[in-house]
Every structure is written in C-alpha cells, then in structure tokens.
Amino acid sequence: MNQYKRCDGISRRDIIRIGGLSSLGLGLGDFFRLQAHAGEAAPKAKAKSCILVWLDGGPSHLEMFDPKPTAPDEVRGPMEAIETNVSGIRINECLRQTATVMNHLAVVRSVTSPLGEHNFGTHYMMTGYKPTPALEYPTIGATLASVRNIESVLPPYISVPAFRVGGGRLSGNGFLPSATAPFSVGGSPERPNFQVRDLDFYKGLTLSRLDRRRQIVNAFDEFSRARDASGSSVENKDLERAYNLIASKEAKAAFNLAEESETVRGRYGFGGGNGIGQSCLLARRLVERGVPFVTVNSNGWDTHQNIKNLKERYPGDRNAHLPSFDRAVSALISDLADRGMLDETLVVVMGEFGRTPKINSNGGRDHWPNVFSVALAGGGIRGGQIVGSSDALGEYPKDNPVTPSDLAATIYTLLGIDPGGELHTSDGRPVRIAPDGARVLQQLGG
C-alpha cells in the first residue's frame, strides 16, 4: 500500500513513530484497515460473537468430558465420574459446577485428528486445515475479522492474556493481512495492577499533544493527495480510529475489571491456569461491548506427569487446573445466560488433542489425537447432549467421527459465515474458508 513517501524518504507512518504514538496505535491502523476490505454480507448468524476457551497443551478427555468409570484402573485413572443436571451424562468429579450447567453444553466426544504434535495439532484445530509448509491458514477469529464488517473502536479479535499457542509458532492471521491477527492484552487480568499493554500514552504524551500530531499527519495527507490524485485516505482514517481508541474512555473501560463487583469476580475465581477465571470475565466484558471473537488462552495442560496435579497439587488446593477451569467456565456460561447473552454468544472449549488412554510410568498421560472431546454452548447450540462417542477405552471414535475441519465449518456456520466462501492470499489465490468436504454438524444446532 502506498505510504505517500516524501522526497526526503519520510513516510506518514514514520511521522507517527516520531510523534510517539503508542505501539497499540500503530497496530490499530492495521486493525482498522479491515473496514476497507470487508467481505460481502454474511448469511444470518445464530451467534454474534464467540469466546474460545483454549486449553493449550492438550487436555485429557478422560479427566474432563469423557470419563471411563468402568474401564481398567490404568485407563480410568485416579478420579471419579459424577452425574450432571442432564440425566445420563457424566463428567469428571472436579467439574461439579460445570455439571450444573450441562443443560447448556453440547459435548462432542468423537473429535479425531492424526496430528499429535502441539504446533500441528493447534493449527488444525484453530483453522480447520491440516498444516502445510506452503501456507499458514488463518484462525477462525482472523477469518471472522476479515469477512465481517465491524464498526467498533475495539479490535475485532482479542486474545486474553496473549496469543501464544502451539509452541508460539502461529501468527493467528495466517495468509491474511496482519490487520486480522489477534490483539494480545498482555499480562494476567487477575493481577491487581493489570493494564492492557500499550493502551495508554507514552510518558509525557498527552491527549492535546497527540491531537496536534494527528493534525500534522492530516496535513501531510492533504499535501500528498494534492500531489497524487490516485492516493487513498484509508491510512488517514486508520489513524483517526487509532486516535479514537486511545482517547476513548469507553474503550479503556471495557478492560477495567475493577468495575465488576467482588461477588462476580469471585464467582469466576482467582488463581489457577494462567488466571483463567478473570480472563473469562474479561472475555465476557469484551463481547458485551461488541468484540466478535475473544480467545482465552489457558496454558499448562500438557500433563505427561502425575495427572493428579490437575485435581490438586497439595491437599485442599482449589487453584489446580480442573477446579479453576470448573469455576471459570461454569461462571461464564451462567453469567452469559443471566445477562441474556448466551443465545448470541458461542462458547467453545477445546485444545489441540487429547491424552493417551493408558497412564504412563510417570503417572501422566501423553499426546493422543485419535479421539478427544470439545464442548460448546450458546450461540445456536442445543445444550444437554452428547454428540458422537469414543470406544470403551477412549482410544478411538466409536461412532460419528468429527474432524477439526467439521468443527470449523460448524463454528463458521453458527457465526453466519459460509464455510464454502473464499478468502484470498496476498497474491490473489482463492482459498476456501473451510476445507472442501468439511461437514456442518447439524445435530449441534438448536
């Protein structure tokens, strides 16, 4: 894109840097450029937004949504299964609060993939495409940001606390412009001094000074367009939107968890897997304010040793991964339902694969992509059901095998995006939004 270079080689982008606009402001220019490249109107969506709770590392399906209470000890593991509020559906004993919202949840127990390496498995689950050296595909959030016409000061795709998944080797936007990449908020939302990275001005840069610098850049816009009749004002508009965000009290308030009561914050929970509770609360605040896609990234699910640590690392520990996950996700679903938001907010809980049916010599489970579980709620999902099943040992799908491509096609459809639509690479090559042959899981729909 033409940056309207001056004869001395200084571009308006350089002027912004010299002006001291925060790095968020620079990045927002990319985010807001999406408005000039929005796709055609999407079909009617059941879900206006999506919260993806990503359990990075590969959660054990056997210790979460697909327990095997009658299997041999080396498969069943050290934890029990409990009843839920839906007759006949049992889940792990640590998910007692999740069991009370099972009527909102649909669990797919027959997800299957051939990819048991973190980066590859993550790419497949988050994009619907098997990875290839020739092309990195965009995640669902990036695709949504690309095709939906988004009118908001806030970025359309936000990751809490950061987008570091699959070993940190995924960009998130794949072959799409960097404008569609997830914006990472930075540190853990449960910290008392939590602030969104780069949302404030640099030291000494006030709103009035920023306004003067904006006026200078606008003047260069006018000068450049007078010299180049073919020039575009897109970057000028991008700067205007970036300025509006940094100057917007409402935008900053979206990230301010202090506005929530201690009761609400306590329901979501503190501690545990990378502050998952307060991250889920922040995700609710963001979709409540119109952000279409939020990823909550919870790490530490790569349990090769002592799977008991998922339950407690010491007696009475409530901040181990399963108890903290239980508080966070059950609170998120209940909170969305209480606010009348669940019907239009799709919640997806998944990781890159499951864990081995047999416990290893270190008391843990290893990578196992052959069958695992994904849970969904809200946004057009018919809750209180199990879709597909694994065999008696949780090794392979018993019926209705579901691929990551099928999941992606289903999520796209719920979000009002035609999975058969096309995106384009930087050189103009058309690429289907979901792979050819991916099926939409009609059983999930309400």
Protein backbone atom coordinates (compact mmCIF):
# COMPACT_ATOMS: atom_id res chain seq x y z
CA MET A 1 0.00 0.00 0.00
CA ASN A 2 1.28 3.47 -0.89
CA GLN A 3 2.59 5.23 2.21
CA TYR A 4 2.91 8.61 0.44
CA LYS A 5 6.68 8.92 0.82
CA ARG A 6 8.04 12.47 0.95
CA CYS A 7 11.03 13.37 -1.16
CA ASP A 8 13.22 13.05 1.94
CA GLY A 9 12.06 9.45 2.38
CA ILE A 10 9.96 10.02 5.49
CA SER A 11 6.52 8.41 5.33
CA ARG A 12 3.50 9.31 7.36
CA ARG A 13 3.99 6.04 9.20
CA ASP A 14 7.43 7.30 10.21
CA ILE A 15 5.89 10.57 11.36
CA ILE A 16 3.55 8.64 13.62
CA ARG A 17 6.52 6.81 15.12
CA ILE A 18 8.40 10.05 15.62
CA GLY A 19 5.28 11.52 17.20
CA GLY A 20 5.43 8.88 19.89
CA LEU A 21 2.05 7.25 19.29
CA SER A 22 1.89 4.06 21.31
CA SER A 23 2.59 0.74 19.66
CA LEU A 24 -1.08 -0.13 20.06
CA GLY A 25 -1.94 2.91 17.98
CA LEU A 26 0.36 1.71 15.24
CA GLY A 27 -1.16 -1.77 15.34
CA LEU A 28 -4.67 -0.41 15.26
CA GLY A 29 -4.03 1.14 11.89
CA ASP A 30 -3.78 -2.40 10.62
CA PHE A 31 -6.89 -3.49 12.50
CA PHE A 32 -8.97 -0.62 11.19
CA ARG A 33 -7.82 -1.08 7.61
CA LEU A 34 -10.15 -4.08 7.64
CA GLN A 35 -13.05 -1.74 7.09
CA ALA A 36 -11.83 -1.01 3.57
CA HIS A 37 -11.59 -4.72 2.75
CA ALA A 38 -14.68 -6.18 4.42
CA GLY A 39 -16.29 -9.10 2.61
CA GLU A 40 -19.80 -9.39 1.31
CA ALA A 41 -22.72 -9.50 3.72
CA ALA A 42 -22.76 -12.78 5.63
CA PRO A 43 -25.81 -15.01 5.99
CA LYS A 44 -27.85 -14.62 9.16
CA ALA A 45 -25.82 -15.66 12.17
CA LYS A 46 -27.07 -17.51 15.22
CA ALA A 47 -24.06 -16.20 17.16
CA LYS A 48 -22.95 -12.57 17.11
CA SER A 49 -19.72 -13.38 18.91
CA CYS A 50 -17.53 -16.27 20.01
CA ILE A 51 -15.43 -16.94 23.10
CA LEU A 52 -12.87 -19.69 22.53
CA VAL A 53 -11.50 -21.13 25.78
CA TRP A 54 -8.28 -22.65 24.53
CA LEU A 55 -6.68 -25.29 26.81
CA ASP A 56 -3.15 -25.12 25.50
CA GLY A 57 -1.12 -28.32 25.74
CA GLY A 58 -3.85 -30.87 25.13
CA PRO A 59 -6.36 -31.53 27.94
CA SER A 60 -7.19 -35.08 28.92
CA HIS A 61 -10.64 -36.04 27.64
CA LEU A 62 -10.68 -38.87 30.18
CA GLU A 63 -10.21 -36.42 33.06
CA MET A 64 -12.77 -33.95 31.76
CA PHE A 65 -15.75 -34.65 29.49
CA ASP A 66 -15.35 -38.35 28.65
CA PRO A 67 -14.58 -40.35 31.81
CA LYS A 68 -14.48 -44.14 31.65
CA PRO A 69 -15.62 -45.29 35.12
CA THR A 70 -15.87 -48.97 34.14
CA ALA A 71 -12.51 -49.18 32.35
CA PRO A 72 -9.43 -50.82 33.93
CA ASP A 73 -7.54 -48.75 36.52
CA GLU A 74 -4.71 -47.84 34.15
CA VAL A 75 -7.31 -46.29 31.81
CA ARG A 76 -9.89 -44.99 34.27
CA GLY A 77 -7.30 -43.01 36.22
CA PRO A 78 -7.42 -41.66 39.78
CA MET A 79 -10.61 -39.58 39.51
CA GLU A 80 -14.29 -40.46 39.60
CA ALA A 81 -17.21 -39.54 37.33
CA ILE A 82 -20.22 -37.58 38.58
CA GLU A 83 -23.77 -37.02 37.36
CA THR A 84 -24.76 -33.72 35.77
CA ASN A 85 -28.09 -31.90 35.65
CA VAL A 86 -28.82 -33.83 32.44
CA SER A 87 -29.81 -37.43 33.10
CA GLY A 88 -27.34 -39.95 31.73
CA ILE A 89 -24.44 -37.54 31.16
CA ARG A 90 -21.46 -37.91 33.48
CA ILE A 91 -18.27 -35.86 33.61
CA ASN A 92 -15.16 -35.63 35.82
CA GLU A 93 -15.65 -35.23 39.57
CA CYS A 94 -13.71 -31.93 39.57
CA LEU A 95 -16.25 -30.30 37.27
CA ARG A 96 -19.04 -30.07 39.84
CA GLN A 97 -20.10 -26.56 38.90
CA THR A 98 -19.88 -27.32 35.19
CA ALA A 99 -22.19 -30.27 35.88
CA THR A 100 -24.87 -27.77 36.97
CA VAL A 101 -24.83 -26.04 33.55
CA MET A 102 -24.68 -29.21 31.45
CA ASN A 103 -28.13 -28.34 30.10
CA HIS A 104 -26.41 -25.52 28.18
CA LEU A 105 -23.49 -27.64 26.95
CA ALA A 106 -23.08 -29.96 24.00
CA VAL A 107 -20.03 -32.23 24.19
CA VAL A 108 -18.56 -33.77 21.06
CA ARG A 109 -16.77 -36.89 22.29
CA SER A 110 -15.64 -38.18 18.91
CA VAL A 111 -13.27 -35.49 17.63
CA THR A 112 -10.37 -37.13 15.80
CA SER A 113 -7.12 -35.93 14.24
CA PRO A 114 -3.91 -37.57 13.01
CA LEU A 115 -1.74 -34.77 14.42
CA GLY A 116 -0.23 -35.31 17.88
CA GLU A 117 2.37 -32.53 17.85
CA HIS A 118 1.44 -29.26 19.56
CA ASN A 119 2.02 -26.81 16.72
CA PHE A 120 0.48 -29.00 14.03
CA GLY A 121 -2.47 -30.02 16.19
CA THR A 122 -3.13 -26.42 17.17
CA HIS A 123 -3.03 -25.26 13.56
CA TYR A 124 -5.54 -27.94 12.56
CA MET A 125 -7.95 -27.22 15.43
CA MET A 126 -7.81 -23.44 15.17
CA THR A 127 -8.05 -23.21 11.38
CA GLY A 128 -9.82 -26.38 10.23
CA TYR A 129 -6.94 -27.07 7.85
CA LYS A 130 -4.13 -29.57 8.20
CA PRO A 131 -0.86 -27.63 8.20
CA THR A 132 1.29 -27.49 5.10
CA PRO A 133 4.76 -25.95 4.56
CA ALA A 134 3.34 -23.93 1.69
CA LEU A 135 0.76 -21.92 3.63
CA GLU A 136 -0.26 -20.96 7.15
CA TYR A 137 -4.05 -20.78 7.29
CA PRO A 138 -5.89 -18.13 9.32
CA THR A 139 -7.59 -18.99 12.59
CA ILE A 140 -11.36 -18.75 12.87
CA GLY A 141 -11.06 -15.44 14.70
CA ALA A 142 -8.93 -13.92 11.96
CA THR A 143 -11.35 -15.09 9.28
CA LEU A 144 -14.25 -13.57 11.19
CA ALA A 145 -12.34 -10.29 11.50
CA SER A 146 -11.66 -10.36 7.77
CA VAL A 147 -15.13 -11.03 6.41
CA ARG A 148 -17.41 -9.28 8.89
CA ASN A 149 -18.00 -5.55 8.58
CA ILE A 150 -17.04 -4.46 12.09
CA GLU A 151 -17.87 -0.97 13.33
CA SER A 152 -16.20 -0.72 16.71
CA VAL A 153 -13.38 1.18 18.35
CA LEU A 154 -12.20 -2.06 19.94
CA PRO A 155 -10.16 -4.56 17.86
CA PRO A 156 -12.32 -7.33 16.36
CA TYR A 157 -10.12 -10.23 17.53
CA ILE A 158 -8.64 -10.15 21.04
CA SER A 159 -6.61 -12.75 22.92
CA VAL A 160 -6.52 -12.89 26.72
CA PRO A 161 -3.91 -12.72 28.11
CA ALA A 162 -1.84 -13.39 24.98
CA PHE A 163 -1.89 -15.40 21.78
CA ARG A 164 0.93 -17.87 22.38
CA VAL A 165 -0.36 -21.27 21.35
CA GLY A 166 1.09 -24.28 19.60
CA GLY A 167 4.56 -23.51 20.90
CA GLY A 168 4.22 -19.83 19.94
CA ARG A 169 4.75 -20.52 16.25
CA LEU A 170 1.32 -19.49 14.98
CA SER A 171 0.66 -15.92 13.92
CA GLY A 172 -3.10 -16.27 14.18
CA ASN A 173 -3.81 -14.48 10.91
CA GLY A 174 -2.01 -16.93 8.59
CA PHE A 175 -2.04 -15.68 4.99
CA LEU A 176 -4.47 -12.87 5.81
CA PRO A 177 -3.16 -9.34 6.46
CA SER A 178 -1.67 -8.58 9.87
CA ALA A 179 -4.80 -6.48 10.39
CA THR A 180 -6.65 -9.70 11.25
CA ALA A 181 -4.13 -11.00 13.81
CA PRO A 182 -5.33 -11.30 17.41
CA PHE A 183 -4.54 -8.37 19.67
CA SER A 184 -3.00 -9.70 22.90
CA VAL A 185 -3.94 -7.75 26.02
CA GLY A 186 -0.68 -8.58 27.81
CA GLY A 187 -0.44 -9.58 31.47
CA SER A 188 -2.81 -11.70 33.53
CA PRO A 189 -6.16 -9.97 34.22
CA GLU A 190 -6.15 -11.22 37.80
CA ARG A 191 -3.16 -9.10 38.80
CA PRO A 192 -4.11 -6.09 40.94
CA ASN A 193 -2.16 -3.73 38.66
CA PHE A 194 -3.44 -5.29 35.42
CA GLN A 195 -3.39 -2.88 32.48
CA VAL A 196 -3.81 -3.54 28.79
CA ARG A 197 -0.47 -3.34 27.08
CA ASP A 198 0.12 -0.06 25.20
CA LEU A 199 -3.41 1.26 25.73
CA ASP A 200 -2.12 4.41 27.41
CA PHE A 201 0.13 7.18 26.14
CA TYR A 202 3.87 7.21 26.47
CA LYS A 203 5.18 9.26 29.39
CA GLY A 204 4.82 12.95 28.58
CA LEU A 205 2.43 12.37 25.65
CA THR A 206 -0.91 13.98 26.47
CA LEU A 207 -4.15 13.92 24.52
CA SER A 208 -3.65 17.52 23.42
CA ARG A 209 -0.14 16.79 22.16
CA LEU A 210 -1.37 13.69 20.37
CA ASP A 211 -4.14 15.76 18.80
CA ARG A 212 -1.61 18.24 17.44
CA ARG A 213 0.45 15.40 15.97
CA ARG A 214 -2.66 13.96 14.38
CA GLN A 215 -3.32 17.32 12.78
CA ILE A 216 0.22 17.34 11.39
CA VAL A 217 -0.28 13.92 9.82
CA ASN A 218 -3.62 15.02 8.41
CA ALA A 219 -1.89 17.99 6.82
CA PHE A 220 0.59 15.64 5.16
CA ASP A 221 -2.40 13.60 3.93
CA GLU A 222 -3.85 16.62 2.19
CA PHE A 223 -0.48 17.60 0.73
CA SER A 224 0.14 14.06 -0.54
CA ARG A 225 -3.29 13.71 -2.12
CA ALA A 226 -2.85 17.04 -3.87
CA ARG A 227 0.33 15.65 -5.45
CA ASP A 228 -1.09 12.19 -6.16
CA ALA A 229 -4.67 12.17 -7.39
CA SER A 230 -4.77 8.38 -7.03
CA GLY A 231 -3.88 8.50 -3.35
CA SER A 232 -6.16 6.88 -0.79
CA SER A 233 -7.27 8.31 2.53
CA VAL A 234 -7.50 4.86 4.13
CA GLU A 235 -4.42 5.32 6.31
CA ASN A 236 -5.69 8.71 7.42
CA LYS A 237 -8.93 7.04 8.55
CA ASP A 238 -6.90 4.33 10.27
CA LEU A 239 -5.04 6.95 12.26
CA GLU A 240 -8.34 8.59 13.17
CA ARG A 241 -9.70 5.29 14.51
CA ALA A 242 -6.47 4.59 16.41
CA TYR A 243 -6.64 8.05 17.93
CA ASN A 244 -10.27 7.48 18.91
CA LEU A 245 -9.42 4.28 20.77
CA ILE A 246 -6.57 5.77 22.75
CA ALA A 247 -8.74 8.78 23.57
CA SER A 248 -11.86 6.70 24.34
CA LYS A 249 -12.78 6.29 27.98
CA GLU A 250 -15.40 3.72 26.97
CA ALA A 251 -12.83 1.57 25.18
CA LYS A 252 -10.49 1.63 28.14
CA ALA A 253 -13.38 0.83 30.46
CA ALA A 254 -14.00 -2.41 28.57
CA PHE A 255 -10.76 -3.77 30.05
CA ASN A 256 -11.36 -2.43 33.57
CA LEU A 257 -12.25 -5.42 35.73
CA ALA A 258 -12.45 -3.15 38.77
CA GLU A 259 -15.91 -2.18 37.52
CA GLU A 260 -17.09 -5.70 38.37
CA SER A 261 -18.28 -6.50 41.90
CA GLU A 262 -16.16 -8.67 44.15
CA THR A 263 -19.01 -11.19 44.13
CA VAL A 264 -18.89 -11.53 40.34
CA ARG A 265 -15.10 -11.67 40.28
CA GLY A 266 -15.15 -14.32 42.99
CA ARG A 267 -17.59 -16.47 41.02
CA TYR A 268 -15.13 -16.61 38.13
CA GLY A 269 -12.26 -17.34 40.50
CA PHE A 270 -8.68 -16.24 41.02
CA GLY A 271 -5.54 -18.27 40.50
CA GLY A 272 -5.14 -21.48 38.56
CA GLY A 273 -4.18 -21.91 34.92
CA ASN A 274 -2.85 -18.51 33.88
CA GLY A 275 -5.69 -16.63 35.56
CA ILE A 276 -8.40 -18.39 33.56
CA GLY A 277 -11.20 -17.08 35.77
CA GLN A 278 -10.53 -13.37 35.36
CA SER A 279 -9.63 -13.97 31.70
CA CYS A 280 -13.09 -15.46 31.12
CA LEU A 281 -14.65 -12.49 32.91
CA LEU A 282 -12.73 -10.08 30.70
CA ALA A 283 -13.88 -12.05 27.65
CA ARG A 284 -17.49 -11.58 28.75
CA ARG A 285 -16.93 -7.82 29.12
CA LEU A 286 -15.42 -7.62 25.65
CA VAL A 287 -18.17 -9.48 23.79
CA GLU A 288 -20.70 -7.48 25.80
CA ARG A 289 -19.18 -4.40 24.15
CA GLY A 290 -19.28 -5.79 20.64
CA VAL A 291 -15.96 -7.63 20.17
CA PRO A 292 -16.78 -10.53 17.80
CA PHE A 293 -14.05 -13.01 18.78
CA VAL A 294 -12.11 -13.47 22.03
CA THR A 295 -9.65 -16.27 22.78
CA VAL A 296 -9.00 -17.11 26.43
CA ASN A 297 -5.65 -18.89 26.47
CA SER A 298 -5.17 -21.23 29.45
CA ASN A 299 -1.81 -22.99 29.40
CA GLY A 300 -0.31 -25.86 31.37
CA TRP A 301 -2.48 -28.74 30.11
CA ASP A 302 0.45 -30.85 28.83
CA THR A 303 0.16 -33.48 31.55
CA HIS A 304 2.92 -36.04 30.94
CA GLN A 305 3.50 -36.48 34.68
CA ASN A 306 1.23 -37.02 37.69
CA ILE A 307 -2.18 -36.34 36.28
CA LYS A 308 -3.43 -35.96 39.85
CA ASN A 309 -1.98 -32.44 39.73
CA LEU A 310 -4.91 -31.44 37.54
CA LYS A 311 -7.08 -32.01 40.61
CA GLU A 312 -4.81 -30.66 43.31
CA ARG A 313 -1.13 -30.01 43.73
CA TYR A 314 -1.48 -30.20 47.50
CA PRO A 315 -4.40 -31.06 49.84
CA GLY A 316 -7.23 -28.56 49.58
CA ASP A 317 -5.78 -26.79 46.54
CA ARG A 318 -8.62 -25.02 44.67
CA ASN A 319 -6.37 -23.42 42.07
CA ALA A 320 -5.25 -26.54 40.24
CA HIS A 321 -6.26 -26.64 36.60
CA LEU A 322 -9.51 -28.60 36.82
CA PRO A 323 -11.05 -26.72 39.78
CA SER A 324 -10.10 -23.31 38.36
CA PHE A 325 -11.38 -24.30 34.92
CA ASP A 326 -14.60 -25.52 36.52
CA ARG A 327 -15.24 -22.20 38.30
CA ALA A 328 -14.33 -20.10 35.27
CA VAL A 329 -16.32 -21.84 32.55
CA SER A 330 -19.41 -22.52 34.67
CA ALA A 331 -19.42 -18.86 35.77
CA LEU A 332 -19.00 -17.69 32.17
CA ILE A 333 -21.93 -19.76 30.91
CA SER A 334 -24.17 -18.81 33.86
CA ASP A 335 -23.23 -15.14 33.60
CA LEU A 336 -23.96 -15.02 29.87
CA ALA A 337 -27.29 -16.77 30.44
CA ASP A 338 -28.26 -14.43 33.29
CA ARG A 339 -27.50 -11.39 31.12
CA GLY A 340 -29.46 -12.72 28.16
CA MET A 341 -26.29 -13.02 26.10
CA LEU A 342 -25.83 -16.78 25.82
CA ASP A 343 -28.15 -17.25 22.84
CA GLU A 344 -25.98 -14.92 20.75
CA THR A 345 -22.57 -15.81 22.23
CA LEU A 346 -20.93 -19.07 21.14
CA VAL A 347 -18.62 -20.58 23.77
CA VAL A 348 -16.14 -23.22 22.57
CA VAL A 349 -13.83 -25.20 24.88
CA MET A 350 -11.04 -27.18 23.25
CA GLY A 351 -7.34 -27.93 22.97
CA GLU A 352 -5.13 -29.37 20.27
CA PHE A 353 -5.68 -33.09 21.12
CA GLY A 354 -6.46 -35.45 23.99
CA ARG A 355 -4.30 -37.73 26.13
CA THR A 356 -3.37 -41.41 25.96
CA PRO A 357 -5.93 -43.87 27.35
CA LYS A 358 -3.31 -45.65 29.42
CA ILE A 359 -1.49 -43.78 32.17
CA ASN A 360 2.27 -43.82 31.66
CA SER A 361 5.02 -44.79 34.11
CA ASN A 362 5.21 -41.20 35.39
CA GLY A 363 1.56 -41.18 36.39
CA GLY A 364 0.58 -38.92 33.49
CA ARG A 365 -0.82 -39.23 30.00
CA ASP A 366 0.90 -38.49 26.69
CA HIS A 367 -0.34 -36.92 23.45
CA TRP A 368 -3.35 -38.65 21.86
CA PRO A 369 -5.10 -37.10 18.84
CA ASN A 370 -7.04 -40.20 17.77
CA VAL A 371 -10.09 -39.24 19.83
CA PHE A 372 -10.84 -36.39 22.24
CA SER A 373 -13.62 -34.03 23.31
CA VAL A 374 -14.77 -30.49 22.54
CA ALA A 375 -17.51 -28.69 24.48
CA LEU A 376 -19.76 -25.94 23.07
CA ALA A 377 -22.53 -23.76 24.48
CA GLY A 378 -24.76 -20.87 23.44
CA GLY A 379 -24.86 -19.25 20.01
CA GLY A 380 -27.28 -21.70 18.42
CA ILE A 381 -26.02 -24.80 20.24
CA ARG A 382 -28.65 -27.23 21.55
CA GLY A 383 -27.39 -27.98 25.04
CA GLY A 384 -27.74 -31.05 27.21
CA GLN A 385 -26.45 -33.52 24.65
CA ILE A 386 -23.51 -35.71 23.71
CA VAL A 387 -22.51 -35.87 20.04
CA GLY A 388 -20.58 -38.95 18.98
CA SER A 389 -18.76 -41.27 21.34
CA SER A 390 -15.39 -42.86 21.92
CA ASP A 391 -14.88 -46.58 22.44
CA ALA A 392 -14.79 -48.27 25.84
CA LEU A 393 -11.16 -47.27 26.48
CA GLY A 394 -11.30 -43.77 24.99
CA GLU A 395 -8.88 -44.77 22.23
CA TYR A 396 -10.82 -44.17 19.01
CA PRO A 397 -14.21 -42.85 17.88
CA LYS A 398 -16.95 -45.43 18.33
CA ASP A 399 -19.38 -43.55 16.11
CA ASN A 400 -19.80 -40.23 14.29
CA PRO A 401 -16.11 -39.26 13.95
CA VAL A 402 -15.73 -35.48 13.79
CA THR A 403 -12.70 -33.77 12.25
CA PRO A 404 -11.33 -30.33 13.10
CA SER A 405 -12.50 -29.32 9.62
CA ASP A 406 -16.06 -30.31 10.56
CA LEU A 407 -15.83 -28.27 13.75
CA ALA A 408 -14.54 -25.23 11.89
CA ALA A 409 -17.32 -25.47 9.29
CA THR A 410 -19.89 -25.72 12.08
CA ILE A 411 -18.50 -22.74 14.00
CA TYR A 412 -18.35 -20.65 10.85
CA THR A 413 -21.97 -21.51 10.08
CA LEU A 414 -23.11 -20.55 13.58
CA LEU A 415 -21.28 -17.23 13.17
CA GLY A 416 -23.05 -16.58 9.88
CA ILE A 417 -20.07 -17.30 7.64
CA ASP A 418 -20.42 -19.58 4.64
CA PRO A 419 -17.73 -22.27 5.09
CA GLY A 420 -17.68 -22.63 1.30
CA GLY A 421 -16.85 -18.96 0.80
CA GLU A 422 -13.42 -17.79 -0.32
CA LEU A 423 -10.53 -15.87 1.16
CA HIS A 424 -7.56 -14.69 -0.88
CA THR A 425 -3.84 -14.89 -0.27
CA SER A 426 -1.62 -11.84 -0.82
CA ASP A 427 -1.00 -12.93 -4.41
CA GLY A 428 -4.73 -13.34 -5.10
CA ARG A 429 -5.00 -17.11 -4.79
CA PRO A 430 -8.52 -18.13 -3.66
CA VAL A 431 -8.76 -20.40 -0.61
CA ARG A 432 -11.96 -21.87 0.79
CA ILE A 433 -12.87 -20.68 4.29
CA ALA A 434 -13.26 -24.31 5.40
CA PRO A 435 -11.76 -27.27 3.54
CA ASP A 436 -13.74 -28.90 0.77
CA GLY A 437 -15.68 -31.83 2.22
CA ALA A 438 -15.99 -30.40 5.74
CA ARG A 439 -19.48 -31.06 7.08
CA VAL A 440 -21.62 -28.91 9.33
CA LEU A 441 -22.73 -30.79 12.46
CA GLN A 442 -26.47 -30.19 12.22
CA GLN A 443 -27.05 -32.17 15.43
CA LEU A 444 -25.42 -29.36 17.42
CA GLY A 445 -27.86 -26.71 16.24
CA GLY A 446 -30.88 -25.67 18.26
